[in-house]
Amino acid sequence: MSNKNKNSRIILGEASESDSDSEFKENKSTKKIEPEKKSTEIQPTKITTEEPSIKKDLQVQSEVVRENLDLLKKNVTLRSKICTMTDRLIDGIQKELTTSSKEILKSELTLQETITSLNMLRYNTRQLQNKLSTTISCNYFPHIETVPTFKNEPSI
């Protein structure tokens, strides 16, 4: 065997399931691959630089929430006022329409009574005209002279 084959080793079995080869470190002196030693120390993270920005973000968010709540309250109040105003307006218009409808009905009744009265007057006038014509045309009475009328005097 050559020198190359002596240093090469074939390991039978399954390959490791690690995501990367960075977990292993090659020992150059023995030419073996050994797992890299990981430290068990927990490295402190620097939260102090992020805390003011987190606080600031929370303050901004709380201000936005307060503003939204204020706007919501104002919207509810405005809606309530608009609904009240609209209800009053509609109630007023409804009362006016009801009053107008009653007056129109009264006027309609008055017009019907007037039409009925005029029709009765027309009928009575025709009856009177017919009787007068009959009376004048009959020879029951000697000649009847009519009295002359003047313009300013009422006729008899």
N, C-alpha and C. Protein backbone atom coordinates (compact mmCIF):
# COMPACT_ATOMS: atom_id res chain seq x y z
N MET A 1 0.83 -1.17 0.00
CA MET A 1 0.00 0.00 0.00
C MET A 1 0.86 1.22 0.00
N SER A 2 0.33 2.21 -0.55
CA SER A 2 1.09 3.46 -0.61
C SER A 2 0.89 4.24 0.66
N ASN A 3 1.64 5.29 0.78
CA ASN A 3 1.60 6.15 1.95
C ASN A 3 0.25 6.83 2.09
N LYS A 4 -0.37 7.12 1.01
CA LYS A 4 -1.68 7.75 1.01
C LYS A 4 -2.70 6.83 1.65
N ASN A 5 -2.66 5.56 1.31
CA ASN A 5 -3.66 4.62 1.80
C ASN A 5 -3.49 4.36 3.29
N LYS A 6 -2.28 4.45 3.82
CA LYS A 6 -2.07 4.21 5.24
C LYS A 6 -2.72 5.29 6.08
N ASN A 7 -2.67 6.51 5.64
CA ASN A 7 -3.23 7.62 6.41
C ASN A 7 -4.74 7.75 6.22
N SER A 8 -5.28 7.24 5.18
CA SER A 8 -6.72 7.34 4.93
C SER A 8 -7.43 6.25 5.66
N ARG A 9 -8.50 6.59 6.24
CA ARG A 9 -9.31 5.60 6.93
C ARG A 9 -10.73 5.67 6.38
N ILE A 10 -11.32 4.57 6.26
CA ILE A 10 -12.72 4.48 5.86
C ILE A 10 -13.49 4.02 7.07
N ILE A 11 -14.44 4.78 7.46
CA ILE A 11 -15.25 4.44 8.62
C ILE A 11 -16.59 3.96 8.10
N LEU A 12 -16.93 2.76 8.46
CA LEU A 12 -18.19 2.18 8.02
C LEU A 12 -19.30 2.62 8.97
N GLY A 13 -20.52 2.77 8.45
CA GLY A 13 -21.66 3.14 9.28
C GLY A 13 -22.37 4.36 8.70
N GLU A 14 -23.18 4.92 9.52
CA GLU A 14 -23.97 6.06 9.07
C GLU A 14 -23.21 7.36 9.25
N ALA A 15 -23.55 8.29 8.42
CA ALA A 15 -22.94 9.61 8.54
C ALA A 15 -23.64 10.37 9.66
N SER A 16 -22.95 11.32 10.20
CA SER A 16 -23.54 12.10 11.29
C SER A 16 -24.69 12.94 10.76
N GLU A 17 -25.61 13.29 11.64
CA GLU A 17 -26.78 14.05 11.22
C GLU A 17 -26.64 15.53 11.54
N SER A 18 -25.44 16.00 11.66
CA SER A 18 -25.26 17.42 11.97
C SER A 18 -25.51 18.24 10.72
N ASP A 19 -25.94 19.48 10.96
CA ASP A 19 -26.23 20.37 9.84
C ASP A 19 -24.96 20.92 9.20
N SER A 20 -23.94 21.02 10.00
CA SER A 20 -22.72 21.59 9.44
C SER A 20 -21.51 20.86 10.02
N ASP A 21 -20.43 21.02 9.34
CA ASP A 21 -19.20 20.40 9.79
C ASP A 21 -18.46 21.28 10.78
N SER A 22 -19.05 22.39 11.15
CA SER A 22 -18.35 23.29 12.04
C SER A 22 -18.30 22.74 13.46
N GLU A 23 -19.08 21.73 13.74
CA GLU A 23 -19.07 21.14 15.07
C GLU A 23 -17.81 20.28 15.30
N PHE A 24 -17.20 19.94 14.22
CA PHE A 24 -16.02 19.08 14.32
C PHE A 24 -14.77 19.88 13.98
N LYS A 25 -13.70 19.53 14.67
CA LYS A 25 -12.43 20.21 14.46
C LYS A 25 -11.38 19.15 14.12
N GLU A 26 -10.63 19.44 13.13
CA GLU A 26 -9.63 18.46 12.71
C GLU A 26 -8.36 18.67 13.54
N ASN A 27 -7.91 17.59 14.12
CA ASN A 27 -6.67 17.64 14.89
C ASN A 27 -5.55 17.38 13.90
N LYS A 28 -4.76 18.42 13.62
CA LYS A 28 -3.75 18.30 12.58
C LYS A 28 -2.60 17.39 12.96
N SER A 29 -2.37 17.28 14.22
CA SER A 29 -1.25 16.42 14.62
C SER A 29 -1.59 14.95 14.45
N THR A 30 -2.81 14.55 14.76
CA THR A 30 -3.17 13.14 14.62
C THR A 30 -3.98 12.89 13.37
N LYS A 31 -4.36 13.96 12.69
CA LYS A 31 -5.17 13.89 11.48
C LYS A 31 -6.48 13.18 11.75
N LYS A 32 -7.06 13.37 12.94
CA LYS A 32 -8.36 12.80 13.28
C LYS A 32 -9.35 13.96 13.40
N ILE A 33 -10.53 13.64 13.12
CA ILE A 33 -11.59 14.63 13.27
C ILE A 33 -12.25 14.37 14.61
N GLU A 34 -12.24 15.37 15.46
CA GLU A 34 -12.83 15.25 16.79
C GLU A 34 -13.91 16.30 16.94
N PRO A 35 -14.92 16.01 17.78
CA PRO A 35 -15.96 17.03 18.00
C PRO A 35 -15.36 18.23 18.69
N GLU A 36 -15.82 19.40 18.26
CA GLU A 36 -15.32 20.64 18.85
C GLU A 36 -15.96 20.81 20.21
N LYS A 37 -15.17 21.26 21.15
CA LYS A 37 -15.67 21.45 22.51
C LYS A 37 -16.44 22.76 22.54
N LYS A 38 -17.65 22.66 23.09
CA LYS A 38 -18.48 23.85 23.21
C LYS A 38 -18.44 24.30 24.64
N SER A 39 -18.43 25.58 24.77
CA SER A 39 -18.40 26.09 26.14
C SER A 39 -19.82 26.07 26.68
N THR A 40 -19.96 25.81 27.95
CA THR A 40 -21.27 25.76 28.58
C THR A 40 -21.61 27.09 29.23
N GLU A 41 -20.74 28.07 29.06
CA GLU A 41 -21.00 29.37 29.63
C GLU A 41 -22.08 30.07 28.81
N ILE A 42 -22.97 30.78 29.51
CA ILE A 42 -24.02 31.55 28.83
C ILE A 42 -23.49 32.96 28.65
N GLN A 43 -23.44 33.37 27.42
CA GLN A 43 -22.95 34.70 27.12
C GLN A 43 -24.06 35.71 27.43
N PRO A 44 -23.78 36.74 28.21
CA PRO A 44 -24.82 37.73 28.49
C PRO A 44 -25.11 38.55 27.23
N THR A 45 -26.39 38.78 27.00
CA THR A 45 -26.76 39.58 25.84
C THR A 45 -26.93 41.02 26.28
N LYS A 46 -26.68 41.89 25.39
CA LYS A 46 -26.75 43.30 25.72
C LYS A 46 -28.18 43.80 25.47
N ILE A 47 -28.97 43.78 26.49
CA ILE A 47 -30.35 44.27 26.42
C ILE A 47 -30.39 45.75 26.75
N THR A 48 -29.41 46.20 27.43
CA THR A 48 -29.41 47.59 27.89
C THR A 48 -29.50 48.57 26.73
N THR A 49 -28.91 48.23 25.60
CA THR A 49 -28.98 49.16 24.47
C THR A 49 -30.36 49.10 23.82
N GLU A 50 -31.04 47.98 23.93
CA GLU A 50 -32.34 47.83 23.30
C GLU A 50 -33.48 48.29 24.21
N GLU A 51 -33.27 48.32 25.51
CA GLU A 51 -34.34 48.68 26.45
C GLU A 51 -34.93 50.05 26.17
N PRO A 52 -34.14 51.09 25.97
CA PRO A 52 -34.75 52.39 25.69
C PRO A 52 -35.60 52.38 24.42
N SER A 53 -35.14 51.66 23.39
CA SER A 53 -35.94 51.63 22.16
C SER A 53 -37.22 50.83 22.38
N ILE A 54 -37.16 49.77 23.17
CA ILE A 54 -38.37 49.00 23.48
C ILE A 54 -39.34 49.85 24.28
N LYS A 55 -38.79 50.56 25.28
CA LYS A 55 -39.64 51.45 26.09
C LYS A 55 -40.25 52.53 25.23
N LYS A 56 -39.43 53.07 24.34
CA LYS A 56 -39.93 54.12 23.46
C LYS A 56 -41.03 53.58 22.56
N ASP A 57 -40.80 52.37 22.00
CA ASP A 57 -41.82 51.74 21.16
C ASP A 57 -43.10 51.51 21.94
N LEU A 58 -42.98 51.05 23.17
CA LEU A 58 -44.17 50.82 24.00
C LEU A 58 -44.89 52.13 24.30
N GLN A 59 -44.11 53.19 24.56
CA GLN A 59 -44.73 54.49 24.82
C GLN A 59 -45.47 54.98 23.58
N VAL A 60 -44.84 54.83 22.42
CA VAL A 60 -45.48 55.25 21.17
C VAL A 60 -46.75 54.45 20.93
N GLN A 61 -46.66 53.14 21.16
CA GLN A 61 -47.84 52.29 20.96
C GLN A 61 -48.95 52.66 21.93
N SER A 62 -48.60 52.94 23.19
CA SER A 62 -49.63 53.30 24.17
C SER A 62 -50.25 54.65 23.82
N GLU A 63 -49.45 55.59 23.30
CA GLU A 63 -50.00 56.87 22.86
C GLU A 63 -50.95 56.68 21.68
N VAL A 64 -50.57 55.82 20.76
CA VAL A 64 -51.43 55.54 19.60
C VAL A 64 -52.74 54.90 20.07
N VAL A 65 -52.64 53.97 21.02
CA VAL A 65 -53.85 53.32 21.55
C VAL A 65 -54.73 54.36 22.24
N ARG A 66 -54.13 55.26 23.04
CA ARG A 66 -54.90 56.31 23.72
C ARG A 66 -55.58 57.22 22.71
N GLU A 67 -54.83 57.61 21.68
CA GLU A 67 -55.42 58.46 20.64
C GLU A 67 -56.56 57.76 19.93
N ASN A 68 -56.37 56.47 19.63
CA ASN A 68 -57.44 55.71 18.99
C ASN A 68 -58.67 55.61 19.88
N LEU A 69 -58.45 55.40 21.18
CA LEU A 69 -59.58 55.34 22.11
C LEU A 69 -60.29 56.69 22.19
N ASP A 70 -59.51 57.77 22.21
CA ASP A 70 -60.11 59.10 22.22
C ASP A 70 -60.93 59.34 20.96
N LEU A 71 -60.37 58.95 19.81
CA LEU A 71 -61.10 59.09 18.54
C LEU A 71 -62.37 58.24 18.55
N LEU A 72 -62.26 57.04 19.09
CA LEU A 72 -63.42 56.16 19.17
C LEU A 72 -64.52 56.78 20.03
N LYS A 73 -64.11 57.34 21.19
CA LYS A 73 -65.09 58.00 22.06
C LYS A 73 -65.74 59.18 21.35
N LYS A 74 -64.91 59.97 20.66
CA LYS A 74 -65.44 61.12 19.93
C LYS A 74 -66.39 60.67 18.82
N ASN A 75 -66.04 59.59 18.13
CA ASN A 75 -66.91 59.06 17.07
C ASN A 75 -68.24 58.57 17.63
N VAL A 76 -68.18 57.89 18.79
CA VAL A 76 -69.41 57.40 19.41
C VAL A 76 -70.28 58.59 19.82
N THR A 77 -69.67 59.63 20.41
CA THR A 77 -70.42 60.82 20.81
C THR A 77 -71.02 61.52 19.59
N LEU A 78 -70.22 61.66 18.55
CA LEU A 78 -70.70 62.30 17.33
C LEU A 78 -71.86 61.52 16.71
N ARG A 79 -71.71 60.21 16.66
CA ARG A 79 -72.78 59.36 16.11
C ARG A 79 -74.05 59.50 16.93
N SER A 80 -73.90 59.52 18.24
CA SER A 80 -75.04 59.68 19.13
C SER A 80 -75.75 61.01 18.88
N LYS A 81 -74.96 62.09 18.77
CA LYS A 81 -75.54 63.41 18.52
C LYS A 81 -76.24 63.47 17.17
N ILE A 82 -75.62 62.88 16.16
CA ILE A 82 -76.23 62.87 14.82
C ILE A 82 -77.53 62.08 14.84
N CYS A 83 -77.53 60.93 15.52
CA CYS A 83 -78.75 60.12 15.60
C CYS A 83 -79.86 60.88 16.33
N THR A 84 -79.51 61.55 17.42
CA THR A 84 -80.50 62.33 18.17
C THR A 84 -81.05 63.46 17.32
N MET A 85 -80.17 64.18 16.65
CA MET A 85 -80.59 65.28 15.79
C MET A 85 -81.49 64.78 14.66
N THR A 86 -81.10 63.68 14.05
CA THR A 86 -81.89 63.10 12.97
C THR A 86 -83.25 62.65 13.46
N ASP A 87 -83.29 62.00 14.63
CA ASP A 87 -84.56 61.55 15.20
C ASP A 87 -85.48 62.73 15.47
N ARG A 88 -84.94 63.81 16.05
CA ARG A 88 -85.75 65.01 16.31
C ARG A 88 -86.27 65.61 15.02
N LEU A 89 -85.41 65.68 14.02
CA LEU A 89 -85.80 66.24 12.73
C LEU A 89 -86.92 65.41 12.11
N ILE A 90 -86.75 64.10 12.14
CA ILE A 90 -87.77 63.20 11.56
C ILE A 90 -89.08 63.31 12.33
N ASP A 91 -88.99 63.38 13.69
CA ASP A 91 -90.21 63.52 14.49
C ASP A 91 -90.92 64.83 14.16
N GLY A 92 -90.17 65.92 14.02
CA GLY A 92 -90.77 67.21 13.67
C GLY A 92 -91.44 67.17 12.31
N ILE A 93 -90.76 66.59 11.34
CA ILE A 93 -91.32 66.48 9.99
C ILE A 93 -92.57 65.60 10.01
N GLN A 94 -92.53 64.53 10.78
CA GLN A 94 -93.68 63.63 10.87
C GLN A 94 -94.88 64.36 11.46
N LYS A 95 -94.66 65.17 12.51
CA LYS A 95 -95.76 65.93 13.11
C LYS A 95 -96.33 66.94 12.11
N GLU A 96 -95.43 67.62 11.39
CA GLU A 96 -95.89 68.59 10.38
C GLU A 96 -96.69 67.90 9.29
N LEU A 97 -96.22 66.74 8.84
CA LEU A 97 -96.95 66.01 7.79
C LEU A 97 -98.31 65.54 8.31
N THR A 98 -98.36 65.08 9.56
CA THR A 98 -99.63 64.65 10.14
C THR A 98 -100.60 65.82 10.22
N THR A 99 -100.11 66.98 10.69
CA THR A 99 -100.95 68.18 10.77
C THR A 99 -101.41 68.59 9.38
N SER A 100 -100.50 68.57 8.42
CA SER A 100 -100.85 68.94 7.04
C SER A 100 -101.88 67.98 6.46
N SER A 101 -101.73 66.70 6.75
CA SER A 101 -102.68 65.70 6.25
C SER A 101 -104.07 65.95 6.84
N LYS A 102 -104.11 66.26 8.15
CA LYS A 102 -105.41 66.56 8.78
C LYS A 102 -106.05 67.80 8.16
N GLU A 103 -105.25 68.83 7.93
CA GLU A 103 -105.78 70.04 7.31
C GLU A 103 -106.26 69.79 5.90
N ILE A 104 -105.53 68.96 5.16
CA ILE A 104 -105.95 68.62 3.79
C ILE A 104 -107.27 67.86 3.83
N LEU A 105 -107.42 66.93 4.79
CA LEU A 105 -108.68 66.20 4.91
C LEU A 105 -109.83 67.15 5.24
N LYS A 106 -109.60 68.11 6.16
CA LYS A 106 -110.63 69.09 6.49
C LYS A 106 -110.99 69.91 5.26
N SER A 107 -109.97 70.33 4.52
CA SER A 107 -110.23 71.11 3.30
C SER A 107 -111.00 70.30 2.28
N GLU A 108 -110.66 69.03 2.17
CA GLU A 108 -111.37 68.15 1.24
C GLU A 108 -112.84 68.02 1.64
N LEU A 109 -113.09 67.85 2.92
CA LEU A 109 -114.48 67.77 3.40
C LEU A 109 -115.23 69.08 3.14
N THR A 110 -114.56 70.19 3.39
CA THR A 110 -115.19 71.50 3.13
C THR A 110 -115.50 71.65 1.65
N LEU A 111 -114.58 71.26 0.79
CA LEU A 111 -114.82 71.33 -0.66
C LEU A 111 -115.98 70.44 -1.08
N GLN A 112 -116.06 69.24 -0.52
CA GLN A 112 -117.17 68.34 -0.85
C GLN A 112 -118.50 68.93 -0.40
N GLU A 113 -118.50 69.52 0.81
CA GLU A 113 -119.73 70.16 1.28
C GLU A 113 -120.12 71.34 0.39
N THR A 114 -119.10 72.10 -0.05
CA THR A 114 -119.36 73.25 -0.93
C THR A 114 -119.92 72.77 -2.26
N ILE A 115 -119.34 71.73 -2.82
CA ILE A 115 -119.82 71.18 -4.09
C ILE A 115 -121.27 70.70 -3.94
N THR A 116 -121.53 70.01 -2.83
CA THR A 116 -122.89 69.53 -2.59
C THR A 116 -123.86 70.71 -2.48
N SER A 117 -123.47 71.74 -1.75
CA SER A 117 -124.33 72.93 -1.59
C SER A 117 -124.56 73.62 -2.93
N LEU A 118 -123.49 73.75 -3.72
CA LEU A 118 -123.64 74.38 -5.03
C LEU A 118 -124.55 73.56 -5.96
N ASN A 119 -124.41 72.25 -5.89
CA ASN A 119 -125.29 71.40 -6.71
C ASN A 119 -126.75 71.54 -6.28
N MET A 120 -126.98 71.63 -4.97
CA MET A 120 -128.35 71.83 -4.47
C MET A 120 -128.88 73.20 -4.89
N LEU A 121 -128.01 74.22 -4.83
CA LEU A 121 -128.39 75.56 -5.26
C LEU A 121 -128.75 75.57 -6.73
N ARG A 122 -127.95 74.89 -7.55
CA ARG A 122 -128.23 74.80 -8.99
C ARG A 122 -129.58 74.13 -9.22
N TYR A 123 -129.82 73.05 -8.54
CA TYR A 123 -131.08 72.33 -8.68
C TYR A 123 -132.26 73.22 -8.26
N ASN A 124 -132.12 73.86 -7.10
CA ASN A 124 -133.20 74.74 -6.62
C ASN A 124 -133.42 75.92 -7.56
N THR A 125 -132.34 76.48 -8.09
CA THR A 125 -132.46 77.59 -9.03
C THR A 125 -133.18 77.15 -10.29
N ARG A 126 -132.90 76.00 -10.81
CA ARG A 126 -133.59 75.48 -12.01
C ARG A 126 -135.07 75.24 -11.71
N GLN A 127 -135.31 74.69 -10.52
CA GLN A 127 -136.71 74.47 -10.15
C GLN A 127 -137.46 75.80 -10.08
N LEU A 128 -136.84 76.77 -9.44
CA LEU A 128 -137.46 78.09 -9.32
C LEU A 128 -137.65 78.73 -10.69
N GLN A 129 -136.65 78.59 -11.57
CA GLN A 129 -136.74 79.14 -12.93
C GLN A 129 -137.88 78.49 -13.69
N ASN A 130 -138.00 77.19 -13.57
CA ASN A 130 -139.08 76.48 -14.26
C ASN A 130 -140.45 76.93 -13.74
N LYS A 131 -140.58 77.07 -12.45
CA LYS A 131 -141.87 77.48 -11.87
C LYS A 131 -142.21 78.91 -12.25
N LEU A 132 -141.18 79.76 -12.27
CA LEU A 132 -141.41 81.14 -12.66
C LEU A 132 -141.83 81.22 -14.13
N SER A 133 -141.18 80.47 -14.96
CA SER A 133 -141.54 80.44 -16.38
C SER A 133 -142.96 79.93 -16.56
N THR A 134 -143.31 78.93 -15.83
CA THR A 134 -144.66 78.38 -15.92
C THR A 134 -145.68 79.42 -15.43
N THR A 135 -145.33 80.07 -14.37
CA THR A 135 -146.24 81.05 -13.81
C THR A 135 -146.42 82.24 -14.76
N ILE A 136 -145.37 82.71 -15.35
CA ILE A 136 -145.46 83.84 -16.26
C ILE A 136 -146.17 83.45 -17.56
N SER A 137 -145.97 82.29 -18.01
CA SER A 137 -146.56 81.87 -19.28
C SER A 137 -148.05 81.55 -19.16
N CYS A 138 -148.54 81.34 -17.99
CA CYS A 138 -149.97 81.04 -17.80
C CYS A 138 -150.78 82.33 -17.86
N ASN A 139 -152.03 82.18 -18.25
CA ASN A 139 -152.92 83.34 -18.36
C ASN A 139 -153.81 83.45 -17.14
N TYR A 140 -153.32 83.02 -16.06
CA TYR A 140 -154.13 83.10 -14.86
C TYR A 140 -154.29 84.55 -14.39
N PHE A 141 -153.29 85.29 -14.65
CA PHE A 141 -153.29 86.67 -14.18
C PHE A 141 -153.31 87.59 -15.39
N PRO A 142 -153.93 88.75 -15.18
CA PRO A 142 -153.85 89.71 -16.28
C PRO A 142 -152.39 90.16 -16.46
N HIS A 143 -152.21 90.89 -17.40
CA HIS A 143 -150.88 91.32 -17.79
C HIS A 143 -150.12 91.89 -16.60
N ILE A 144 -148.87 91.35 -16.30
CA ILE A 144 -148.04 91.81 -15.20
C ILE A 144 -146.90 92.60 -15.80
N GLU A 145 -146.80 93.79 -15.31
CA GLU A 145 -145.73 94.62 -15.80
C GLU A 145 -144.54 94.49 -14.85
N THR A 146 -143.41 94.54 -15.43
CA THR A 146 -142.21 94.49 -14.62
C THR A 146 -141.75 95.90 -14.33
N VAL A 147 -141.22 96.09 -13.17
CA VAL A 147 -140.74 97.39 -12.75
C VAL A 147 -139.35 97.60 -13.33
N PRO A 148 -139.12 98.77 -13.93
CA PRO A 148 -137.78 99.00 -14.47
C PRO A 148 -136.74 99.08 -13.33
N THR A 149 -135.58 98.59 -13.61
CA THR A 149 -134.51 98.60 -12.61
C THR A 149 -133.39 99.52 -13.06
N PHE A 150 -132.73 100.09 -12.08
CA PHE A 150 -131.60 100.95 -12.37
C PHE A 150 -130.32 100.16 -12.06
N LYS A 151 -129.29 100.68 -12.52
CA LYS A 151 -128.02 99.98 -12.37
C LYS A 151 -127.60 99.86 -10.92
N ASN A 152 -127.81 100.86 -10.12
CA ASN A 152 -127.38 100.84 -8.74
C ASN A 152 -128.36 100.15 -7.82
N GLU A 153 -129.55 99.96 -8.27
CA GLU A 153 -130.59 99.34 -7.43
C GLU A 153 -130.56 97.84 -7.61
N PRO A 154 -130.82 97.15 -6.54
CA PRO A 154 -130.91 95.70 -6.68
C PRO A 154 -132.20 95.34 -7.39
N SER A 155 -132.17 94.32 -8.16
CA SER A 155 -133.38 93.87 -8.87
C SER A 155 -134.23 93.03 -7.97
N ILE A 156 -135.55 93.08 -8.23
CA ILE A 156 -136.48 92.36 -7.39
C ILE A 156 -136.87 91.06 -8.02
